[in-house]
C-alpha cells in the first residue's frame, strides 16, 4: 500500500477484504490477540531508539513505502513498491532513497539504492490476489552500508502460531513524517504462507515490518502487503517471510531479476603484450 501522489495503490484495489478473510476463516476459526489500536508517534530521538533500522523508502514522484534493514546494506520492503502504478512496469530502483529512522526531516542515515529485486513469482497485475500477497516481497541493496551501531538490522523468523503478540512500525499518509508504532496487533488468521492482522495501516505502510515482541529483541515475522476495512475493522495482510527472503538472496547472487542489470565490458589483450605466447586469447569477463 504505497503512498503515491495520485492516491492509487498497486494492489489494494484488487482485493476485497471479505474475500481474502473468507479464505482464512473457511478452514480455521480466527484467534484474535489482544489489540491496541492506538498509534504512538516516534517523535524524539529517544523514541526512535531501537527502531532506527525501520525507514521510509522514498520512490520519487511515485510516493513512499516503509522498509527495514535485514543487513547493513539490504532493505526489505513490499514488491509492489518497485512498480509504476500507471504502467505496471518495474521502476529503476536506483532512483529510490532509504531514510533510516526518519522523523521530521531528520534521519539516522540516508542511502541511495544501488539495485533491487522482486520475488520471481510476484505479479503486479495478476488476477490472484492471494498469490500476490504471498510473494509481495522485495530487497533493495544500498549503495553504502549503514553501520550496525547506527541502525542495527533485524532478523527474520518463522511465525509459529496464532495468538502471538505482534507489533507494527510504519509510515503512512497522514503520518508520513515520522514512524508510528502500534504495540499490539491481533492475528486474525494464518494459512498457506499468508497471515491476516488487525494492524492499523494505510497507504504508505506497504513493506512495514510486523514484529514478534516475545523475545529480548524484536524479530520480523511478516511485512504489510495490503489492507482495508471489513465490518468496520481495519484489516491488513502479510506473508510468512523466511522462504521468500531466501529466494530473494538467491536472486541477488545469481542476478536473476535484479535491476539494474550489470553490464560487464569485455577486456581486450594486445597480442604479445603481457602474455607468454604471441597468440591472441579470449578473456572471461
C-alpha atoms as a PDB file:
ATOM      1  CA  UNK A   1       0.000   0.000   0.000  1.00  0.00           C
ATOM      2  CA  UNK A   2       2.417   2.598  -1.181  1.00  0.00           C
ATOM      3  CA  UNK A   3       1.528   6.247  -0.764  1.00  0.00           C
ATOM      4  CA  UNK A   4       1.531   7.889  -4.172  1.00  0.00           C
ATOM      5  CA  UNK A   5       0.695  11.377  -5.364  1.00  0.00           C
ATOM      6  CA  UNK A   6      -2.391  10.136  -7.179  1.00  0.00           C
ATOM      7  CA  UNK A   7      -3.529   8.221  -4.118  1.00  0.00           C
ATOM      8  CA  UNK A   8      -3.565   4.993  -6.127  1.00  0.00           C
ATOM      9  CA  UNK A   9      -2.204   1.757  -4.751  1.00  0.00           C
ATOM     10  CA  UNK A  10      -0.951  -1.029  -6.949  1.00  0.00           C
ATOM     11  CA  UNK A  11      -2.594  -3.878  -5.101  1.00  0.00           C
ATOM     12  CA  UNK A  12      -5.311  -2.732  -2.717  1.00  0.00           C
ATOM     13  CA  UNK A  13      -7.855  -2.161  -5.458  1.00  0.00           C
ATOM     14  CA  UNK A  14      -7.573  -5.799  -6.500  1.00  0.00           C
ATOM     15  CA  UNK A  15      -8.529  -7.198  -3.120  1.00  0.00           C
ATOM     16  CA  UNK A  16     -11.780  -7.362  -1.181  1.00  0.00           C
ATOM     17  CA  UNK A  17     -11.160  -7.963   2.474  1.00  0.00           C
ATOM     18  CA  UNK A  18     -14.217 -10.173   2.801  1.00  0.00           C
ATOM     19  CA  UNK A  19     -12.982 -12.492   0.068  1.00  0.00           C
ATOM     20  CA  UNK A  20      -9.484 -12.760   1.499  1.00  0.00           C
ATOM     21  CA  UNK A  21     -10.683 -13.260   5.066  1.00  0.00           C
ATOM     22  CA  UNK A  22     -13.093 -15.980   3.977  1.00  0.00           C
ATOM     23  CA  UNK A  23     -10.064 -17.807   2.625  1.00  0.00           C
ATOM     24  CA  UNK A  24      -8.674 -17.900   6.171  1.00  0.00           C
ATOM     25  CA  UNK A  25     -11.905 -18.428   8.061  1.00  0.00           C
ATOM     26  CA  UNK A  26     -13.232 -21.256   5.899  1.00  0.00           C
ATOM     27  CA  UNK A  27     -10.529 -23.505   7.312  1.00  0.00           C
ATOM     28  CA  UNK A  28      -9.809 -22.177  10.780  1.00  0.00           C
ATOM     29  CA  UNK A  29     -11.528 -20.013  13.323  1.00  0.00           C
ATOM     30  CA  UNK A  30      -9.655 -16.739  13.860  1.00  0.00           C
ATOM     31  CA  UNK A  31      -7.651 -16.327  17.017  1.00  0.00           C
ATOM     32  CA  UNK A  32      -7.556 -12.665  17.910  1.00  0.00           C
ATOM     33  CA  UNK A  33      -4.750 -11.456  20.134  1.00  0.00           C
ATOM     34  CA  UNK A  34      -5.298  -8.502  22.400  1.00  0.00           C
ATOM     35  CA  UNK A  35      -5.261  -5.413  20.178  1.00  0.00           C
ATOM     36  CA  UNK A  36      -4.212  -1.897  20.995  1.00  0.00           C
ATOM     37  CA  UNK A  37      -5.455   0.315  18.174  1.00  0.00           C
ATOM     38  CA  UNK A  38      -3.590   3.376  19.431  1.00  0.00           C
ATOM     39  CA  UNK A  39      -0.618   4.518  17.389  1.00  0.00           C
ATOM     40  CA  UNK A  40       2.395   6.032  19.102  1.00  0.00           C
ATOM     41  CA  UNK A  41       4.279   8.641  17.103  1.00  0.00           C
ATOM     42  CA  UNK A  42       8.038   8.243  17.460  1.00  0.00           C
ATOM     43  CA  UNK A  43       8.890  11.922  17.650  1.00  0.00           C
ATOM     44  CA  UNK A  44      12.107  12.274  19.617  1.00  0.00           C
ATOM     45  CA  UNK A  45      15.484  10.589  19.133  1.00  0.00           C
ATOM     46  CA  UNK A  46      14.855   8.557  22.279  1.00  0.00           C
ATOM     47  CA  UNK A  47      11.500   7.411  20.845  1.00  0.00           C
ATOM     48  CA  UNK A  48      13.262   6.086  17.740  1.00  0.00           C
ATOM     49  CA  UNK A  49      15.946   4.298  19.774  1.00  0.00           C
ATOM     50  CA  UNK A  50      15.817   0.605  18.845  1.00  0.00           C
ATOM     51  CA  UNK A  51      13.730   1.261  15.708  1.00  0.00           C
ATOM     52  CA  UNK A  52      16.407   3.022  13.655  1.00  0.00           C
ATOM     53  CA  UNK A  53      16.544   0.178  11.114  1.00  0.00           C
ATOM     54  CA  UNK A  54      12.968   0.942  10.031  1.00  0.00           C
ATOM     55  CA  UNK A  55      12.931   3.719   7.458  1.00  0.00           C
ATOM     56  CA  UNK A  56      10.987   5.439   4.742  1.00  0.00           C
ATOM     57  CA  UNK A  57      11.512   4.190   1.197  1.00  0.00           C
ATOM     58  CA  UNK A  58      11.126   7.278  -0.990  1.00  0.00           C
ATOM     59  CA  UNK A  59      10.179   6.422  -4.568  1.00  0.00           C
ATOM     60  CA  UNK A  60      10.476   9.895  -6.038  1.00  0.00           C
ATOM     61  CA  UNK A  61       7.291  11.285  -7.573  1.00  0.00           C
ATOM     62  CA  UNK A  62       5.535   7.940  -7.001  1.00  0.00           C
ATOM     63  CA  UNK A  63       5.440   8.411  -3.226  1.00  0.00           C
ATOM     64  CA  UNK A  64       6.859   6.220  -0.486  1.00  0.00           C
ATOM     65  CA  UNK A  65       6.702   2.871   1.272  1.00  0.00           C
ATOM     66  CA  UNK A  66       8.174   1.561   4.514  1.00  0.00           C
ATOM     67  CA  UNK A  67      11.297  -0.621   4.658  1.00  0.00           C
ATOM     68  CA  UNK A  68      13.525  -2.295   7.214  1.00  0.00           C
ATOM     69  CA  UNK A  69      17.181  -3.306   7.299  1.00  0.00           C
ATOM     70  CA  UNK A  70      17.950  -7.048   7.243  1.00  0.00           C
ATOM     71  CA  UNK A  71      21.665  -6.426   6.755  1.00  0.00           C
ATOM     72  CA  UNK A  72      23.742  -3.297   6.853  1.00  0.00           C
ATOM     73  CA  UNK A  73      23.149  -2.760   3.124  1.00  0.00           C
ATOM     74  CA  UNK A  74      19.928  -4.737   2.491  1.00  0.00           C
ATOM     75  CA  UNK A  75      16.414  -3.312   2.928  1.00  0.00           C
ATOM     76  CA  UNK A  76      13.272  -5.439   2.954  1.00  0.00           C
ATOM     77  CA  UNK A  77      10.084  -3.889   1.556  1.00  0.00           C
ATOM     78  CA  UNK A  78       6.961  -4.795  -0.415  1.00  0.00           C
ATOM     79  CA  UNK A  79       7.412  -5.911  -4.008  1.00  0.00           C
ATOM     80  CA  UNK A  80       4.689  -3.662  -5.442  1.00  0.00           C
ATOM     81  CA  UNK A  81       6.605  -0.613  -4.223  1.00  0.00           C
ATOM     82  CA  UNK A  82       9.056  -1.179  -7.088  1.00  0.00           C
ATOM     83  CA  UNK A  83       6.398  -0.908  -9.801  1.00  0.00           C
ATOM     84  CA  UNK A  84       4.919   2.055 -11.642  1.00  0.00           C
ATOM     85  CA  UNK A  85       1.199   2.126 -10.736  1.00  0.00           C
ATOM     86  CA  UNK A  86       0.228   3.538 -14.135  1.00  0.00           C
ATOM     87  CA  UNK A  87       2.204   1.292 -16.470  1.00  0.00           C
ATOM     88  CA  UNK A  88       2.633  -1.748 -14.236  1.00  0.00           C
ATOM     89  CA  UNK A  89       6.320  -1.877 -15.149  1.00  0.00           C
ATOM     90  CA  UNK A  90       9.290  -2.177 -12.795  1.00  0.00           C
ATOM     91  CA  UNK A  91      10.837   1.127 -11.806  1.00  0.00           C
ATOM     92  CA  UNK A  92      14.575   1.714 -11.882  1.00  0.00           C
ATOM     93  CA  UNK A  93      15.419   1.184  -8.206  1.00  0.00           C
ATOM     94  CA  UNK A  94      18.437   3.497  -8.385  1.00  0.00           C
ATOM     95  CA  UNK A  95      16.038   6.415  -8.004  1.00  0.00           C
ATOM     96  CA  UNK A  96      14.907   5.182  -4.581  1.00  0.00           C
ATOM     97  CA  UNK A  97      16.174   6.706  -1.331  1.00  0.00           C
ATOM     98  CA  UNK A  98      16.127   4.908   2.033  1.00  0.00           C
ATOM     99  CA  UNK A  99      15.878   7.159   5.088  1.00  0.00           C
ATOM    100  CA  UNK A 100      16.585   5.126   8.215  1.00  0.00           C
ATOM    101  CA  UNK A 101      14.697   6.172  11.345  1.00  0.00           C
ATOM    102  CA  UNK A 102      13.400   9.329   9.679  1.00  0.00           C
ATOM    103  CA  UNK A 103      11.472  11.743  11.891  1.00  0.00           C
ATOM    104  CA  UNK A 104      10.502  15.286  10.986  1.00  0.00           C
ATOM    105  CA  UNK A 105      13.196  15.657   8.335  1.00  0.00           C
ATOM    106  CA  UNK A 106      15.968  14.062  10.380  1.00  0.00           C
ATOM    107  CA  UNK A 107      17.298  10.557   9.650  1.00  0.00           C
ATOM    108  CA  UNK A 108      19.971   8.497  11.356  1.00  0.00           C
ATOM    109  CA  UNK A 109      21.241   7.627   7.851  1.00  0.00           C
ATOM    110  CA  UNK A 110      20.248   8.308   4.241  1.00  0.00           C
ATOM    111  CA  UNK A 111      21.314   5.994   1.415  1.00  0.00           C
ATOM    112  CA  UNK A 112      20.659   5.634  -2.290  1.00  0.00           C
ATOM    113  CA  UNK A 113      19.640   2.260  -3.681  1.00  0.00           C
ATOM    114  CA  UNK A 114      22.153   0.552  -5.959  1.00  0.00           C
ATOM    115  CA  UNK A 115      19.960  -2.336  -7.147  1.00  0.00           C
ATOM    116  CA  UNK A 116      16.791  -4.188  -6.290  1.00  0.00           C
ATOM    117  CA  UNK A 117      14.995  -7.468  -6.826  1.00  0.00           C
ATOM    118  CA  UNK A 118      11.352  -8.542  -6.537  1.00  0.00           C
ATOM    119  CA  UNK A 119      10.344 -12.108  -5.733  1.00  0.00           C
ATOM    120  CA  UNK A 120      10.336 -14.022  -9.043  1.00  0.00           C
ATOM    121  CA  UNK A 121       6.771 -15.297  -8.511  1.00  0.00           C
ATOM    122  CA  UNK A 122       5.284 -11.877  -7.813  1.00  0.00           C
ATOM    123  CA  UNK A 123       2.965 -10.457 -10.479  1.00  0.00           C
ATOM    124  CA  UNK A 124       1.997  -6.824 -10.109  1.00  0.00           C
ATOM    125  CA  UNK A 125      -1.213  -7.089 -12.133  1.00  0.00           C
ATOM    126  CA  UNK A 126      -2.120 -10.721 -11.631  1.00  0.00           C
ATOM    127  CA  UNK A 127      -5.676 -11.958 -11.104  1.00  0.00           C
ATOM    128  CA  UNK A 128      -4.896 -13.979  -7.977  1.00  0.00           C
ATOM    129  CA  UNK A 129      -4.807 -11.530  -5.069  1.00  0.00           C
ATOM    130  CA  UNK A 130      -3.804 -14.235  -2.606  1.00  0.00           C
ATOM    131  CA  UNK A 131      -0.822 -15.173  -4.752  1.00  0.00           C
ATOM    132  CA  UNK A 132       0.126 -11.510  -4.975  1.00  0.00           C
ATOM    133  CA  UNK A 133       0.207 -11.099  -1.214  1.00  0.00           C
ATOM    134  CA  UNK A 134       2.186 -14.298  -0.699  1.00  0.00           C
ATOM    135  CA  UNK A 135       5.038 -13.102  -2.950  1.00  0.00           C
ATOM    136  CA  UNK A 136       4.789  -9.334  -2.466  1.00  0.00           C
ATOM    137  CA  UNK A 137       8.364  -9.065  -1.214  1.00  0.00           C
ATOM    138  CA  UNK A 138      11.451  -7.214  -2.472  1.00  0.00           C
ATOM    139  CA  UNK A 139      15.016  -6.494  -1.400  1.00  0.00           C
ATOM    140  CA  UNK A 140      16.930  -3.282  -2.030  1.00  0.00           C
ATOM    141  CA  UNK A 141      20.707  -3.110  -1.873  1.00  0.00           C
ATOM    142  CA  UNK A 142      22.059   0.235  -0.679  1.00  0.00           C
ATOM    143  CA  UNK A 143      24.985   1.958  -2.337  1.00  0.00           C
ATOM    144  CA  UNK A 144      26.788   2.072   1.041  1.00  0.00           C
ATOM    145  CA  UNK A 145      26.154   0.036   4.203  1.00  0.00           C
ATOM    146  CA  UNK A 146      24.673   1.638   7.296  1.00  0.00           C
ATOM    147  CA  UNK A 147      26.792   0.687  10.328  1.00  0.00           C
ATOM    148  CA  UNK A 148      25.030  -1.520  12.857  1.00  0.00           C
ATOM    149  CA  UNK A 149      25.998   0.976  15.557  1.00  0.00           C
ATOM    150  CA  UNK A 150      23.764   3.498  13.755  1.00  0.00           C
ATOM    151  CA  UNK A 151      20.891   1.201  12.798  1.00  0.00           C
ATOM    152  CA  UNK A 152      21.039  -2.437  13.861  1.00  0.00           C
ATOM    153  CA  UNK A 153      19.398  -4.789  11.325  1.00  0.00           C
ATOM    154  CA  UNK A 154      16.637  -7.181  12.376  1.00  0.00           C
ATOM    155  CA  UNK A 155      16.437 -10.931  11.966  1.00  0.00           C
ATOM    156  CA  UNK A 156      13.596 -12.677  10.143  1.00  0.00           C
ATOM    157  CA  UNK A 157      11.958 -15.635  11.848  1.00  0.00           C
ATOM    158  CA  UNK A 158       9.103 -18.018  11.146  1.00  0.00           C
ATOM    159  CA  UNK A 159       5.706 -17.182  12.550  1.00  0.00           C
ATOM    160  CA  UNK A 160       4.949 -20.095  14.834  1.00  0.00           C
ATOM    161  CA  UNK A 161       1.300 -19.652  15.681  1.00  0.00           C
ATOM    162  CA  UNK A 162      -1.789 -17.576  16.265  1.00  0.00           C
ATOM    163  CA  UNK A 163      -2.302 -15.538  19.359  1.00  0.00           C
ATOM    164  CA  UNK A 164       1.317 -14.370  19.464  1.00  0.00           C
ATOM    165  CA  UNK A 165       1.668 -10.712  20.304  1.00  0.00           C
ATOM    166  CA  UNK A 166       2.888  -8.701  17.325  1.00  0.00           C
ATOM    167  CA  UNK A 167       3.568  -5.041  16.654  1.00  0.00           C
ATOM    168  CA  UNK A 168       3.916  -2.930  13.529  1.00  0.00           C
ATOM    169  CA  UNK A 169       6.116   0.117  12.890  1.00  0.00           C
ATOM    170  CA  UNK A 170       5.354   2.147   9.780  1.00  0.00           C
ATOM    171  CA  UNK A 171       4.994   5.369   7.861  1.00  0.00           C
ATOM    172  CA  UNK A 172       1.714   6.221   6.142  1.00  0.00           C
ATOM    173  CA  UNK A 173      -0.331   9.014   4.625  1.00  0.00           C
ATOM    174  CA  UNK A 174      -1.149  11.496   7.369  1.00  0.00           C
ATOM    175  CA  UNK A 175       1.816  10.304   9.409  1.00  0.00           C
ATOM    176  CA  UNK A 176       4.492  10.298   6.745  1.00  0.00           C
ATOM    177  CA  UNK A 177       6.948  12.497   8.644  1.00  0.00           C
ATOM    178  CA  UNK A 178       7.703  10.129  11.496  1.00  0.00           C
ATOM    179  CA  UNK A 179       7.406   6.468  12.372  1.00  0.00           C
ATOM    180  CA  UNK A 180       4.309   5.289  14.196  1.00  0.00           C
ATOM    181  CA  UNK A 181       4.278   2.210  16.380  1.00  0.00           C
ATOM    182  CA  UNK A 182       1.278   0.043  17.148  1.00  0.00           C
ATOM    183  CA  UNK A 183       2.412  -2.035  20.084  1.00  0.00           C
ATOM    184  CA  UNK A 184      -0.196  -4.780  19.841  1.00  0.00           C
ATOM    185  CA  UNK A 185      -1.947  -6.196  16.774  1.00  0.00           C
ATOM    186  CA  UNK A 186      -4.449  -9.015  16.642  1.00  0.00           C
ATOM    187  CA  UNK A 187      -3.679 -12.022  14.443  1.00  0.00           C
ATOM    188  CA  UNK A 188      -6.878 -12.852  12.570  1.00  0.00           C
ATOM    189  CA  UNK A 189      -5.758 -15.905  10.640  1.00  0.00           C
ATOM    190  CA  UNK A 190      -2.878 -17.798   9.090  1.00  0.00           C
ATOM    191  CA  UNK A 191      -2.931 -20.179   6.149  1.00  0.00           C
ATOM    192  CA  UNK A 192      -0.674 -21.359   3.312  1.00  0.00           C
ATOM    193  CA  UNK A 193       2.010 -18.761   3.916  1.00  0.00           C
ATOM    194  CA  UNK A 194      -0.445 -15.867   4.403  1.00  0.00           C
ATOM    195  CA  UNK A 195      -1.240 -14.004   7.615  1.00  0.00           C
ATOM    196  CA  UNK A 196      -4.130 -11.637   8.389  1.00  0.00           C
ATOM    197  CA  UNK A 197      -3.719  -8.963  11.059  1.00  0.00           C
ATOM    198  CA  UNK A 198      -5.820  -6.266  12.694  1.00  0.00           C
ATOM    199  CA  UNK A 199      -2.923  -3.798  12.423  1.00  0.00           C
ATOM    200  CA  UNK A 200      -3.702  -0.130  11.785  1.00  0.00           C
ATOM    201  CA  UNK A 201      -2.112   0.510   8.389  1.00  0.00           C
ATOM    202  CA  UNK A 202      -2.925   2.549   5.311  1.00  0.00           C
ATOM    203  CA  UNK A 203      -1.245   3.906   2.169  1.00  0.00           C
ATOM    204  CA  UNK A 204       2.492   4.165   2.756  1.00  0.00           C
ATOM    205  CA  UNK A 205       2.567   1.224   5.162  1.00  0.00           C
ATOM    206  CA  UNK A 206       3.490  -1.213   2.408  1.00  0.00           C
ATOM    207  CA  UNK A 207       6.612  -3.080   3.461  1.00  0.00           C
ATOM    208  CA  UNK A 208       6.179  -2.144   7.127  1.00  0.00           C
ATOM    209  CA  UNK A 209       7.690  -4.838   9.364  1.00  0.00           C
ATOM    210  CA  UNK A 210       5.448  -6.854  11.657  1.00  0.00           C
ATOM    211  CA  UNK A 211       7.413  -7.816  14.758  1.00  0.00           C
ATOM    212  CA  UNK A 212       7.260 -10.682  17.212  1.00  0.00           C
ATOM    213  CA  UNK A 213       7.892  -8.934  20.522  1.00  0.00           C
ATOM    214  CA  UNK A 214       8.130 -12.013  22.726  1.00  0.00           C
ATOM    215  CA  UNK A 215      11.954 -12.242  22.837  1.00  0.00           C
ATOM    216  CA  UNK A 216      14.711  -9.982  24.064  1.00  0.00           C
ATOM    217  CA  UNK A 217      14.802  -8.204  20.696  1.00  0.00           C
ATOM    218  CA  UNK A 218      12.002  -7.796  18.193  1.00  0.00           C
ATOM    219  CA  UNK A 219      12.163 -10.098  15.163  1.00  0.00           C
ATOM    220  CA  UNK A 220      10.371  -9.699  11.848  1.00  0.00           C
ATOM    221  CA  UNK A 221       7.653 -12.277  11.133  1.00  0.00           C
ATOM    222  CA  UNK A 222       5.938 -10.549   8.203  1.00  0.00           C
ATOM    223  CA  UNK A 223       5.632  -7.314   6.258  1.00  0.00           C
ATOM    224  CA  UNK A 224       2.475  -5.472   5.282  1.00  0.00           C
ATOM    225  CA  UNK A 225       1.314  -6.077   1.729  1.00  0.00           C
ATOM    226  CA  UNK A 226      -2.222  -4.679   1.623  1.00  0.00           C
ATOM    227  CA  UNK A 227      -5.298  -3.998   3.671  1.00  0.00           C
ATOM    228  CA  UNK A 228      -8.619  -2.294   4.040  1.00  0.00           C
ATOM    229  CA  UNK A 229     -11.784  -2.458   6.138  1.00  0.00           C
ATOM    230  CA  UNK A 230     -14.004  -5.397   6.990  1.00  0.00           C
ATOM    231  CA  UNK A 231     -17.123  -4.914   9.103  1.00  0.00           C
ATOM    232  CA  UNK A 232     -15.776  -1.534  10.157  1.00  0.00           C
ATOM    233  CA  UNK A 233     -12.497  -3.003  11.361  1.00  0.00           C
ATOM    234  CA  UNK A 234      -9.090  -2.334   9.828  1.00  0.00           C
ATOM    235  CA  UNK A 235      -7.574  -5.487   8.380  1.00  0.00           C
ATOM    236  CA  UNK A 236      -4.109  -5.986   6.906  1.00  0.00           C
ATOM    237  CA  UNK A 237      -2.403  -8.839   5.126  1.00  0.00           C
ATOM    238  CA  UNK A 238       1.151 -10.113   5.025  1.00  0.00           C
ATOM    239  CA  UNK A 239       3.125 -13.249   4.289  1.00  0.00           C
ATOM    240  CA  UNK A 240       5.455 -15.676   6.011  1.00  0.00           C
ATOM    241  CA  UNK A 241       8.930 -14.472   5.203  1.00  0.00           C
ATOM    242  CA  UNK A 242      11.838 -16.933   5.607  1.00  0.00           C
ATOM    243  CA  UNK A 243      11.393 -18.795   2.313  1.00  0.00           C
ATOM    244  CA  UNK A 244      10.595 -15.578   0.423  1.00  0.00           C
ATOM    245  CA  UNK A 245      13.702 -13.815   1.728  1.00  0.00           C
ATOM    246  CA  UNK A 246      15.912 -16.824   0.942  1.00  0.00           C
ATOM    247  CA  UNK A 247      14.586 -16.781  -2.641  1.00  0.00           C
ATOM    248  CA  UNK A 248      15.475 -13.100  -2.940  1.00  0.00           C
ATOM    249  CA  UNK A 249      19.011 -13.587  -1.627  1.00  0.00           C
ATOM    250  CA  UNK A 250      19.441 -16.346  -4.213  1.00  0.00           C
ATOM    251  CA  UNK A 251      18.227 -13.976  -6.921  1.00  0.00           C
ATOM    252  CA  UNK A 252      20.795 -11.401  -5.808  1.00  0.00           C
ATOM    253  CA  UNK A 253      23.579 -13.989  -6.019  1.00  0.00           C
ATOM    254  CA  UNK A 254      22.539 -15.198  -9.466  1.00  0.00           C
ATOM    255  CA  UNK A 255      21.470 -11.829 -10.837  1.00  0.00           C
ATOM    256  CA  UNK A 256      18.059 -13.188 -11.863  1.00  0.00           C
ATOM    257  CA  UNK A 257      15.501 -10.405 -11.893  1.00  0.00           C
ATOM    258  CA  UNK A 258      17.943  -7.880 -10.432  1.00  0.00           C
ATOM    259  CA  UNK A 259      17.730  -4.299 -11.699  1.00  0.00           C
ATOM    260  CA  UNK A 260      19.715  -2.552 -12.947  1.00  0.00           C
ATOM    261  CA  UNK A 261      21.429  -5.294 -14.901  1.00  0.00           C
ATOM    262  CA  UNK A 262      25.184  -5.096 -14.512  1.00  0.00           C
ATOM    263  CA  UNK A 263      26.957  -4.796 -17.850  1.00  0.00           C
ATOM    264  CA  UNK A 264      30.499  -6.088 -17.966  1.00  0.00           C
ATOM    265  CA  UNK A 265      32.637  -4.676 -20.748  1.00  0.00           C
ATOM    266  CA  UNK A 266      34.849  -7.271 -22.410  1.00  0.00           C
ATOM    267  CA  UNK A 267      38.540  -6.926 -21.651  1.00  0.00           C
ATOM    268  CA  UNK A 268      41.000  -6.940 -24.519  1.00  0.00           C
ATOM    269  CA  UNK A 269      44.584  -8.121 -24.620  1.00  0.00           C
ATOM    270  CA  UNK A 270      47.043  -6.877 -27.138  1.00  0.00           C
ATOM    271  CA  UNK A 271      48.821  -9.666 -28.929  1.00  0.00           C
ATOM    272  CA  UNK A 272      52.245 -10.270 -27.439  1.00  0.00           C
ATOM    273  CA  UNK A 273      51.788  -7.853 -24.528  1.00  0.00           C
ATOM    274  CA  UNK A 274      51.817  -9.359 -21.069  1.00  0.00           C
ATOM    275  CA  UNK A 275      51.404 -12.908 -22.356  1.00  0.00           C
ATOM    276  CA  UNK A 276      53.648 -15.910 -22.505  1.00  0.00           C
ATOM    277  CA  UNK A 277      52.923 -16.582 -26.152  1.00  0.00           C
ATOM    278  CA  UNK A 278      52.147 -14.495 -29.166  1.00  0.00           C
ATOM    279  CA  UNK A 279      48.665 -15.955 -29.722  1.00  0.00           C
ATOM    280  CA  UNK A 280      45.507 -13.941 -29.026  1.00  0.00           C
ATOM    281  CA  UNK A 281      43.448 -15.115 -26.029  1.00  0.00           C
ATOM    282  CA  UNK A 282      39.810 -14.774 -25.030  1.00  0.00           C
ATOM    283  CA  UNK A 283      39.402 -13.372 -21.555  1.00  0.00           C
ATOM    284  CA  UNK A 284      36.379 -14.299 -19.481  1.00  0.00           C
ATOM    285  CA  UNK A 285      34.832 -11.156 -18.010  1.00  0.00           C
END
